[in-house]
Amino acid sequence: APTSFAEDEIVSMADSTTTIDDIEGELFKIERIREILVRRESELRYMMDDIQLCKEISRLKKELQKLIALPENEKSNEEKQREEELVQQIHKLVETRDFLVDDVEFERLREREEDKEMAEFLQSKLSKSYLQKASKWFMTPVKEKKMTSRGQQTSAPYMTKTGLTLLKECCGFTCSIM
């Protein structure tokens, strides 16, 4: 005769008070934390690149200022040539930095779109109780600041709604070309 199991003989790994909603909620939290960490890693890499670019621009500008300070009629051909090279190198680095800033802005907009899509999905597909739990983890209250134009850049980094720091001017006026 086949053995029949009483319902109370089958024991779940989950605690007896744990519900499917609890598990789904915790899985959602973990997914959200993973997403936040990936975004933060990306943000830190942009910061590192930006700091290195700013340091290099500042170093080259100091060298250039020393050459500019020399009277024109006392400069050797090598010094004049080096002056031109420095101007070109600085322009190239500033251009690279502008591309970096554009990448950061693109990432910020992409993340905002992802967040919007997820919020819409949560509203349309999930139960109210689950939505209330999930929304606590989904909506991170970080103040959003408007992006400054290239002419009004500040030296302090700022946070966007998505948590991505937009480092428009890490070293203030020292990054602008003469």
N, C-alpha and C. Protein backbone atom coordinates (compact mmCIF):
# COMPACT_ATOMS: atom_id res chain seq x y z
N ALA A 1 0.86 -1.19 0.00
CA ALA A 1 0.00 0.00 0.00
C ALA A 1 0.89 1.24 0.00
N PRO A 2 0.54 2.23 -0.85
CA PRO A 2 1.37 3.45 -0.89
C PRO A 2 1.27 4.20 0.42
N THR A 3 2.40 4.77 0.82
CA THR A 3 2.44 5.52 2.07
C THR A 3 1.89 6.91 1.84
N SER A 4 0.99 7.36 2.67
CA SER A 4 0.48 8.72 2.56
C SER A 4 1.07 9.56 3.69
N PHE A 5 1.45 10.79 3.32
CA PHE A 5 2.04 11.69 4.33
C PHE A 5 0.99 12.67 4.82
N ALA A 6 0.93 12.81 6.11
CA ALA A 6 0.05 13.84 6.67
C ALA A 6 0.71 15.18 6.38
N GLU A 7 -0.10 16.23 6.23
CA GLU A 7 0.42 17.55 5.86
C GLU A 7 1.46 18.06 6.85
N ASP A 8 1.26 17.77 8.13
CA ASP A 8 2.19 18.29 9.14
C ASP A 8 3.52 17.54 9.18
N GLU A 9 3.64 16.43 8.42
CA GLU A 9 4.90 15.69 8.37
C GLU A 9 5.90 16.34 7.41
N ILE A 10 5.42 17.15 6.45
CA ILE A 10 6.31 17.79 5.49
C ILE A 10 6.72 19.14 6.05
N VAL A 11 8.02 19.26 6.33
CA VAL A 11 8.52 20.47 6.98
C VAL A 11 9.30 21.32 5.98
N SER A 12 8.92 22.55 5.86
CA SER A 12 9.61 23.48 4.96
C SER A 12 10.89 24.00 5.60
N MET A 13 11.83 24.39 4.75
CA MET A 13 13.07 25.02 5.25
C MET A 13 12.76 26.35 5.90
N ALA A 14 11.70 27.01 5.41
CA ALA A 14 11.34 28.34 5.91
C ALA A 14 10.76 28.24 7.31
N ASP A 15 10.95 29.29 8.06
CA ASP A 15 10.33 29.42 9.38
C ASP A 15 8.81 29.33 9.20
N SER A 16 8.14 28.79 10.18
CA SER A 16 6.69 28.57 10.05
C SER A 16 5.91 29.88 9.88
N THR A 17 6.51 31.00 10.32
CA THR A 17 5.81 32.29 10.18
C THR A 17 6.16 32.99 8.86
N THR A 18 7.11 32.44 8.11
CA THR A 18 7.55 33.07 6.86
C THR A 18 6.56 32.79 5.75
N THR A 19 6.19 33.85 5.02
CA THR A 19 5.26 33.70 3.91
C THR A 19 6.01 33.88 2.58
N ILE A 20 5.35 33.51 1.49
CA ILE A 20 5.92 33.73 0.15
C ILE A 20 6.19 35.22 -0.06
N ASP A 21 5.26 36.07 0.40
CA ASP A 21 5.44 37.52 0.28
C ASP A 21 6.71 37.99 1.00
N ASP A 22 6.98 37.40 2.18
CA ASP A 22 8.19 37.76 2.94
C ASP A 22 9.44 37.41 2.13
N ILE A 23 9.43 36.22 1.55
CA ILE A 23 10.60 35.76 0.77
C ILE A 23 10.79 36.63 -0.47
N GLU A 24 9.68 36.89 -1.17
CA GLU A 24 9.77 37.74 -2.36
C GLU A 24 10.25 39.14 -1.99
N GLY A 25 9.77 39.63 -0.86
CA GLY A 25 10.20 40.96 -0.39
C GLY A 25 11.68 41.00 -0.10
N GLU A 26 12.19 39.95 0.55
CA GLU A 26 13.62 39.90 0.87
C GLU A 26 14.46 39.76 -0.39
N LEU A 27 13.98 38.93 -1.33
CA LEU A 27 14.69 38.79 -2.61
C LEU A 27 14.75 40.13 -3.35
N PHE A 28 13.65 40.87 -3.28
CA PHE A 28 13.61 42.19 -3.92
C PHE A 28 14.63 43.13 -3.27
N LYS A 29 14.70 43.09 -1.93
CA LYS A 29 15.67 43.93 -1.21
C LYS A 29 17.09 43.62 -1.66
N ILE A 30 17.40 42.32 -1.75
CA ILE A 30 18.74 41.89 -2.16
C ILE A 30 19.05 42.38 -3.57
N GLU A 31 18.08 42.26 -4.46
CA GLU A 31 18.26 42.72 -5.85
C GLU A 31 18.50 44.22 -5.88
N ARG A 32 17.75 44.94 -5.06
CA ARG A 32 17.90 46.41 -5.00
C ARG A 32 19.27 46.80 -4.45
N ILE A 33 19.72 46.09 -3.41
CA ILE A 33 21.04 46.36 -2.83
C ILE A 33 22.13 46.09 -3.85
N ARG A 34 21.99 44.98 -4.60
CA ARG A 34 22.96 44.64 -5.64
C ARG A 34 23.03 45.76 -6.68
N GLU A 35 21.86 46.24 -7.09
CA GLU A 35 21.79 47.32 -8.09
C GLU A 35 22.45 48.60 -7.57
N ILE A 36 22.19 48.93 -6.30
CA ILE A 36 22.79 50.12 -5.69
C ILE A 36 24.32 49.99 -5.65
N LEU A 37 24.81 48.79 -5.31
CA LEU A 37 26.25 48.57 -5.25
C LEU A 37 26.91 48.68 -6.63
N VAL A 38 26.25 48.14 -7.65
CA VAL A 38 26.78 48.23 -9.02
C VAL A 38 26.85 49.70 -9.44
N ARG A 39 25.80 50.45 -9.13
CA ARG A 39 25.77 51.87 -9.47
C ARG A 39 26.87 52.63 -8.72
N ARG A 40 27.04 52.29 -7.46
CA ARG A 40 28.08 52.98 -6.65
C ARG A 40 29.47 52.65 -7.19
N GLU A 41 29.69 51.40 -7.59
CA GLU A 41 30.98 51.02 -8.16
C GLU A 41 31.26 51.84 -9.41
N SER A 42 30.26 51.97 -10.27
CA SER A 42 30.39 52.77 -11.49
C SER A 42 30.71 54.22 -11.15
N GLU A 43 30.00 54.75 -10.16
CA GLU A 43 30.21 56.13 -9.72
C GLU A 43 31.64 56.34 -9.25
N LEU A 44 32.15 55.40 -8.44
CA LEU A 44 33.51 55.51 -7.91
C LEU A 44 34.56 55.44 -9.02
N ARG A 45 34.31 54.61 -10.04
CA ARG A 45 35.25 54.53 -11.16
C ARG A 45 35.29 55.85 -11.94
N TYR A 46 34.12 56.44 -12.14
CA TYR A 46 34.08 57.76 -12.79
C TYR A 46 34.84 58.79 -11.95
N MET A 47 34.65 58.76 -10.64
CA MET A 47 35.35 59.69 -9.75
C MET A 47 36.87 59.54 -9.87
N MET A 48 37.33 58.28 -9.87
CA MET A 48 38.77 58.02 -9.96
C MET A 48 39.34 58.57 -11.26
N ASP A 49 38.66 58.28 -12.38
CA ASP A 49 39.10 58.78 -13.68
C ASP A 49 39.12 60.30 -13.68
N ASP A 50 38.09 60.89 -13.10
CA ASP A 50 37.98 62.35 -13.08
C ASP A 50 39.10 62.98 -12.27
N ILE A 51 39.39 62.42 -11.10
CA ILE A 51 40.46 62.94 -10.24
C ILE A 51 41.80 62.86 -10.97
N GLN A 52 42.07 61.72 -11.63
CA GLN A 52 43.33 61.57 -12.35
C GLN A 52 43.45 62.57 -13.49
N LEU A 53 42.35 62.77 -14.23
CA LEU A 53 42.37 63.77 -15.31
C LEU A 53 42.63 65.16 -14.76
N CYS A 54 41.97 65.52 -13.68
CA CYS A 54 42.15 66.84 -13.08
C CYS A 54 43.58 67.05 -12.60
N LYS A 55 44.17 66.04 -11.98
CA LYS A 55 45.55 66.14 -11.51
C LYS A 55 46.51 66.37 -12.67
N GLU A 56 46.29 65.62 -13.75
CA GLU A 56 47.16 65.74 -14.92
C GLU A 56 47.00 67.11 -15.58
N ILE A 57 45.76 67.58 -15.69
CA ILE A 57 45.51 68.91 -16.26
C ILE A 57 46.20 69.98 -15.40
N SER A 58 46.06 69.89 -14.10
CA SER A 58 46.67 70.86 -13.19
C SER A 58 48.19 70.84 -13.31
N ARG A 59 48.77 69.66 -13.38
CA ARG A 59 50.23 69.53 -13.50
C ARG A 59 50.73 70.19 -14.78
N LEU A 60 50.06 69.90 -15.89
CA LEU A 60 50.46 70.48 -17.17
C LEU A 60 50.28 71.99 -17.19
N LYS A 61 49.22 72.46 -16.56
CA LYS A 61 48.98 73.91 -16.53
C LYS A 61 50.05 74.64 -15.72
N LYS A 62 50.53 74.03 -14.64
CA LYS A 62 51.61 74.65 -13.85
C LYS A 62 52.87 74.78 -14.69
N GLU A 63 53.16 73.71 -15.42
CA GLU A 63 54.34 73.72 -16.30
C GLU A 63 54.18 74.80 -17.37
N LEU A 64 52.99 74.89 -17.94
CA LEU A 64 52.71 75.88 -18.98
C LEU A 64 52.83 77.30 -18.44
N GLN A 65 52.32 77.54 -17.25
CA GLN A 65 52.38 78.88 -16.65
C GLN A 65 53.82 79.35 -16.46
N LYS A 66 54.71 78.41 -16.12
CA LYS A 66 56.13 78.77 -15.96
C LYS A 66 56.72 79.23 -17.30
N LEU A 67 56.34 78.53 -18.37
CA LEU A 67 56.84 78.90 -19.70
C LEU A 67 56.25 80.23 -20.17
N ILE A 68 54.96 80.44 -19.89
CA ILE A 68 54.29 81.68 -20.30
C ILE A 68 54.91 82.88 -19.57
N ALA A 69 55.34 82.65 -18.33
CA ALA A 69 55.92 83.74 -17.52
C ALA A 69 57.25 84.25 -18.08
N LEU A 70 57.94 83.42 -18.88
CA LEU A 70 59.23 83.85 -19.46
C LEU A 70 58.99 84.90 -20.54
N PRO A 71 59.85 85.90 -20.61
CA PRO A 71 59.72 86.88 -21.71
C PRO A 71 59.86 86.19 -23.06
N GLU A 72 59.02 86.58 -24.00
CA GLU A 72 58.95 85.92 -25.32
C GLU A 72 60.30 85.91 -26.03
N ASN A 73 61.03 87.02 -25.94
CA ASN A 73 62.32 87.10 -26.65
C ASN A 73 63.43 86.28 -26.00
N GLU A 74 63.21 85.79 -24.79
CA GLU A 74 64.22 84.98 -24.10
C GLU A 74 63.96 83.47 -24.22
N LYS A 75 62.82 83.10 -24.82
CA LYS A 75 62.46 81.67 -24.92
C LYS A 75 63.26 81.00 -26.03
N SER A 76 63.72 79.78 -25.72
CA SER A 76 64.40 78.97 -26.75
C SER A 76 63.35 78.32 -27.64
N ASN A 77 63.79 77.81 -28.76
CA ASN A 77 62.86 77.10 -29.67
C ASN A 77 62.21 75.90 -28.97
N GLU A 78 63.02 75.22 -28.14
CA GLU A 78 62.51 74.05 -27.40
C GLU A 78 61.40 74.48 -26.44
N GLU A 79 61.61 75.62 -25.78
CA GLU A 79 60.60 76.10 -24.82
C GLU A 79 59.31 76.51 -25.55
N LYS A 80 59.46 77.16 -26.70
CA LYS A 80 58.29 77.55 -27.49
C LYS A 80 57.52 76.31 -27.97
N GLN A 81 58.29 75.30 -28.41
CA GLN A 81 57.67 74.06 -28.88
C GLN A 81 56.95 73.35 -27.73
N ARG A 82 57.60 73.31 -26.56
CA ARG A 82 57.01 72.67 -25.39
C ARG A 82 55.72 73.39 -24.98
N GLU A 83 55.72 74.71 -25.09
CA GLU A 83 54.53 75.51 -24.75
C GLU A 83 53.35 75.09 -25.64
N GLU A 84 53.61 74.94 -26.93
CA GLU A 84 52.55 74.52 -27.86
C GLU A 84 52.06 73.11 -27.55
N GLU A 85 53.01 72.22 -27.26
CA GLU A 85 52.65 70.83 -26.91
C GLU A 85 51.76 70.80 -25.67
N LEU A 86 52.12 71.61 -24.68
CA LEU A 86 51.35 71.65 -23.43
C LEU A 86 49.92 72.13 -23.68
N VAL A 87 49.76 73.17 -24.50
CA VAL A 87 48.43 73.68 -24.81
C VAL A 87 47.60 72.58 -25.47
N GLN A 88 48.20 71.85 -26.42
CA GLN A 88 47.49 70.76 -27.12
C GLN A 88 47.12 69.64 -26.16
N GLN A 89 48.06 69.27 -25.29
CA GLN A 89 47.80 68.19 -24.32
C GLN A 89 46.67 68.57 -23.36
N ILE A 90 46.69 69.82 -22.90
CA ILE A 90 45.65 70.28 -21.97
C ILE A 90 44.29 70.26 -22.66
N HIS A 91 44.24 70.76 -23.89
CA HIS A 91 42.98 70.75 -24.64
C HIS A 91 42.46 69.32 -24.81
N LYS A 92 43.36 68.40 -25.12
CA LYS A 92 42.97 67.00 -25.32
C LYS A 92 42.42 66.39 -24.02
N LEU A 93 43.07 66.68 -22.90
CA LEU A 93 42.62 66.14 -21.61
C LEU A 93 41.27 66.74 -21.20
N VAL A 94 41.09 68.03 -21.45
CA VAL A 94 39.81 68.67 -21.12
C VAL A 94 38.70 68.08 -21.97
N GLU A 95 39.01 67.81 -23.24
CA GLU A 95 38.04 67.18 -24.13
C GLU A 95 37.68 65.78 -23.63
N THR A 96 38.68 65.02 -23.20
CA THR A 96 38.46 63.68 -22.64
C THR A 96 37.56 63.78 -21.41
N ARG A 97 37.82 64.78 -20.60
CA ARG A 97 37.02 64.97 -19.38
C ARG A 97 35.58 65.34 -19.72
N ASP A 98 35.40 66.12 -20.76
CA ASP A 98 34.04 66.45 -21.20
C ASP A 98 33.28 65.19 -21.62
N PHE A 99 33.97 64.27 -22.32
CA PHE A 99 33.35 63.00 -22.70
C PHE A 99 32.97 62.20 -21.45
N LEU A 100 33.85 62.21 -20.46
CA LEU A 100 33.59 61.51 -19.21
C LEU A 100 32.33 62.05 -18.54
N VAL A 101 32.21 63.37 -18.48
CA VAL A 101 31.04 64.01 -17.87
C VAL A 101 29.77 63.65 -18.65
N ASP A 102 29.88 63.63 -19.99
CA ASP A 102 28.73 63.23 -20.81
C ASP A 102 28.32 61.79 -20.52
N ASP A 103 29.31 60.91 -20.34
CA ASP A 103 29.02 59.50 -19.99
C ASP A 103 28.28 59.41 -18.66
N VAL A 104 28.74 60.20 -17.68
CA VAL A 104 28.10 60.20 -16.36
C VAL A 104 26.65 60.65 -16.49
N GLU A 105 26.42 61.69 -17.28
CA GLU A 105 25.05 62.19 -17.46
C GLU A 105 24.19 61.15 -18.16
N PHE A 106 24.74 60.46 -19.17
CA PHE A 106 24.00 59.41 -19.86
C PHE A 106 23.62 58.29 -18.89
N GLU A 107 24.58 57.88 -18.05
CA GLU A 107 24.31 56.84 -17.04
C GLU A 107 23.20 57.27 -16.09
N ARG A 108 23.26 58.52 -15.65
CA ARG A 108 22.26 59.05 -14.72
C ARG A 108 20.86 58.98 -15.35
N LEU A 109 20.75 59.37 -16.60
CA LEU A 109 19.46 59.34 -17.29
C LEU A 109 18.97 57.91 -17.50
N ARG A 110 19.91 57.01 -17.83
CA ARG A 110 19.55 55.60 -18.03
C ARG A 110 19.03 54.99 -16.72
N GLU A 111 19.71 55.29 -15.62
CA GLU A 111 19.29 54.78 -14.31
C GLU A 111 17.92 55.33 -13.91
N ARG A 112 17.71 56.60 -14.21
CA ARG A 112 16.41 57.21 -13.90
C ARG A 112 15.30 56.50 -14.68
N GLU A 113 15.58 56.18 -15.95
CA GLU A 113 14.60 55.48 -16.79
C GLU A 113 14.33 54.07 -16.24
N GLU A 114 15.40 53.39 -15.83
CA GLU A 114 15.25 52.05 -15.22
C GLU A 114 14.38 52.12 -13.97
N ASP A 115 14.63 53.12 -13.13
CA ASP A 115 13.86 53.28 -11.89
C ASP A 115 12.38 53.54 -12.20
N LYS A 116 12.14 54.36 -13.22
CA LYS A 116 10.77 54.69 -13.61
C LYS A 116 10.05 53.43 -14.10
N GLU A 117 10.73 52.65 -14.95
CA GLU A 117 10.14 51.41 -15.47
C GLU A 117 9.83 50.43 -14.35
N MET A 118 10.75 50.31 -13.38
CA MET A 118 10.54 49.40 -12.26
C MET A 118 9.36 49.85 -11.41
N ALA A 119 9.25 51.15 -11.18
CA ALA A 119 8.13 51.68 -10.39
C ALA A 119 6.81 51.38 -11.08
N GLU A 120 6.77 51.55 -12.40
CA GLU A 120 5.55 51.26 -13.17
C GLU A 120 5.20 49.78 -13.10
N PHE A 121 6.23 48.92 -13.19
CA PHE A 121 6.02 47.47 -13.10
C PHE A 121 5.44 47.10 -11.74
N LEU A 122 6.03 47.67 -10.69
CA LEU A 122 5.56 47.37 -9.34
C LEU A 122 4.10 47.78 -9.16
N GLN A 123 3.77 48.94 -9.68
CA GLN A 123 2.39 49.42 -9.53
C GLN A 123 1.39 48.54 -10.27
N SER A 124 1.77 48.08 -11.45
CA SER A 124 0.81 47.33 -12.27
C SER A 124 0.73 45.84 -11.93
N LYS A 125 1.81 45.24 -11.44
CA LYS A 125 1.85 43.79 -11.29
C LYS A 125 1.74 43.26 -9.87
N LEU A 126 2.11 44.05 -8.91
CA LEU A 126 2.24 43.48 -7.57
C LEU A 126 1.12 43.88 -6.62
N SER A 127 0.95 43.07 -5.58
CA SER A 127 -0.09 43.33 -4.59
C SER A 127 0.26 44.58 -3.78
N LYS A 128 -0.74 45.18 -3.17
CA LYS A 128 -0.51 46.41 -2.41
C LYS A 128 0.44 46.18 -1.24
N SER A 129 0.27 45.06 -0.54
CA SER A 129 1.13 44.80 0.62
C SER A 129 2.58 44.63 0.19
N TYR A 130 2.78 43.90 -0.91
CA TYR A 130 4.14 43.69 -1.43
C TYR A 130 4.70 45.00 -1.95
N LEU A 131 3.86 45.79 -2.60
CA LEU A 131 4.29 47.07 -3.16
C LEU A 131 4.76 48.00 -2.05
N GLN A 132 4.04 48.01 -0.92
CA GLN A 132 4.43 48.87 0.20
C GLN A 132 5.80 48.46 0.74
N LYS A 133 6.03 47.15 0.84
CA LYS A 133 7.33 46.67 1.33
C LYS A 133 8.43 47.01 0.33
N ALA A 134 8.16 46.73 -0.94
CA ALA A 134 9.17 46.93 -1.98
C ALA A 134 9.50 48.40 -2.19
N SER A 135 8.50 49.27 -2.09
CA SER A 135 8.74 50.68 -2.37
C SER A 135 9.69 51.31 -1.37
N LYS A 136 9.75 50.77 -0.16
CA LYS A 136 10.70 51.27 0.83
C LYS A 136 12.13 51.09 0.34
N TRP A 137 12.37 50.00 -0.36
CA TRP A 137 13.72 49.71 -0.86
C TRP A 137 13.96 50.29 -2.24
N PHE A 138 12.89 50.45 -2.99
CA PHE A 138 13.04 50.91 -4.37
C PHE A 138 13.31 52.40 -4.46
N MET A 139 12.56 53.18 -3.70
CA MET A 139 12.70 54.63 -3.77
C MET A 139 13.69 55.11 -2.72
N THR A 140 14.92 55.35 -3.13
CA THR A 140 15.92 55.86 -2.21
C THR A 140 15.84 57.39 -2.22
N PRO A 141 15.55 58.01 -1.09
CA PRO A 141 15.36 59.45 -1.08
C PRO A 141 16.67 60.22 -1.09
N VAL A 142 17.21 60.42 -2.27
CA VAL A 142 18.43 61.23 -2.42
C VAL A 142 18.03 62.48 -3.17
N LYS A 143 18.38 63.65 -2.62
CA LYS A 143 17.98 64.91 -3.25
C LYS A 143 18.63 65.04 -4.62
N GLU A 144 17.83 65.51 -5.56
CA GLU A 144 18.34 65.72 -6.92
C GLU A 144 18.70 67.18 -7.11
N LYS A 145 19.84 67.41 -7.73
CA LYS A 145 20.24 68.78 -8.04
C LYS A 145 20.37 68.91 -9.53
N LYS A 146 20.07 70.10 -10.04
CA LYS A 146 20.14 70.32 -11.48
C LYS A 146 21.59 70.32 -11.94
N MET A 147 21.78 69.85 -13.16
CA MET A 147 23.12 69.84 -13.75
C MET A 147 23.52 71.26 -14.09
N THR A 148 24.73 71.64 -13.70
CA THR A 148 25.20 72.98 -14.01
C THR A 148 25.71 73.03 -15.43
N SER A 149 25.61 74.19 -16.03
CA SER A 149 26.15 74.33 -17.38
C SER A 149 27.66 74.38 -17.29
N ARG A 150 28.34 74.21 -18.41
CA ARG A 150 29.80 74.20 -18.38
C ARG A 150 30.37 75.53 -17.90
N GLY A 151 29.57 76.59 -18.02
CA GLY A 151 30.04 77.90 -17.59
C GLY A 151 29.83 78.18 -16.11
N GLN A 152 28.97 77.38 -15.43
CA GLN A 152 28.69 77.63 -14.02
C GLN A 152 29.08 76.43 -13.18
N GLN A 153 30.25 75.88 -13.42
CA GLN A 153 30.60 74.65 -12.71
C GLN A 153 31.11 74.94 -11.31
N THR A 154 30.83 74.01 -10.40
CA THR A 154 31.27 74.15 -9.01
C THR A 154 32.36 73.15 -8.73
N SER A 155 33.06 73.35 -7.61
CA SER A 155 34.15 72.43 -7.29
C SER A 155 33.68 71.24 -6.48
N ALA A 156 32.46 71.27 -5.95
CA ALA A 156 31.96 70.15 -5.13
C ALA A 156 31.13 69.19 -5.96
N PRO A 157 31.35 67.88 -5.78
CA PRO A 157 30.50 66.91 -6.48
C PRO A 157 29.10 66.94 -5.87
N TYR A 158 28.09 66.54 -6.63
CA TYR A 158 26.74 66.50 -6.07
C TYR A 158 26.04 65.22 -6.46
N MET A 159 25.01 64.87 -5.66
CA MET A 159 24.31 63.61 -5.86
C MET A 159 23.06 63.83 -6.69
N THR A 160 22.78 62.89 -7.57
CA THR A 160 21.53 62.93 -8.31
C THR A 160 20.55 62.00 -7.63
N LYS A 161 19.31 61.97 -8.13
CA LYS A 161 18.26 61.12 -7.56
C LYS A 161 18.68 59.65 -7.57
N THR A 162 19.43 59.25 -8.59
CA THR A 162 19.80 57.85 -8.71
C THR A 162 21.03 57.52 -7.86
N GLY A 163 21.64 58.51 -7.25
CA GLY A 163 22.81 58.25 -6.43
C GLY A 163 24.11 58.32 -7.20
N LEU A 164 24.05 58.71 -8.45
CA LEU A 164 25.29 58.81 -9.24
C LEU A 164 25.83 60.22 -9.11
N THR A 165 27.06 60.34 -8.63
CA THR A 165 27.65 61.66 -8.46
C THR A 165 28.11 62.20 -9.79
N LEU A 166 27.66 63.40 -10.10
CA LEU A 166 28.09 64.03 -11.35
C LEU A 166 29.22 64.99 -11.01
N LEU A 167 30.44 64.59 -11.38
CA LEU A 167 31.61 65.39 -11.05
C LEU A 167 31.94 66.30 -12.22
N LYS A 168 31.29 67.42 -12.26
CA LYS A 168 31.48 68.31 -13.40
C LYS A 168 32.79 69.07 -13.27
N GLU A 169 33.17 69.48 -12.06
CA GLU A 169 34.39 70.25 -11.89
C GLU A 169 35.09 69.83 -10.61
N CYS A 170 35.84 68.74 -10.65
CA CYS A 170 36.46 68.22 -9.42
C CYS A 170 37.49 69.17 -8.85
N CYS A 171 38.16 69.92 -9.71
CA CYS A 171 39.21 70.80 -9.20
C CYS A 171 38.92 72.26 -9.51
N GLY A 172 37.66 72.59 -9.64
CA GLY A 172 37.25 73.98 -9.77
C GLY A 172 37.86 74.68 -10.98
N PHE A 173 38.25 75.92 -10.77
CA PHE A 173 38.75 76.76 -11.85
C PHE A 173 40.04 76.23 -12.46
N THR A 174 40.77 75.37 -11.73
CA THR A 174 42.06 74.90 -12.25
C THR A 174 41.91 74.03 -13.49
N CYS A 175 40.68 73.52 -13.74
CA CYS A 175 40.48 72.68 -14.92
C CYS A 175 40.09 73.48 -16.16
N SER A 176 39.81 74.76 -15.99
CA SER A 176 39.41 75.53 -17.17
C SER A 176 40.66 75.93 -17.95
N ILE A 177 40.50 76.04 -19.25
CA ILE A 177 41.65 76.42 -20.09
C ILE A 177 41.84 77.92 -20.00
N MET A 178 43.02 78.30 -19.60
CA MET A 178 43.45 79.70 -19.43
C MET A 178 42.38 80.74 -19.65
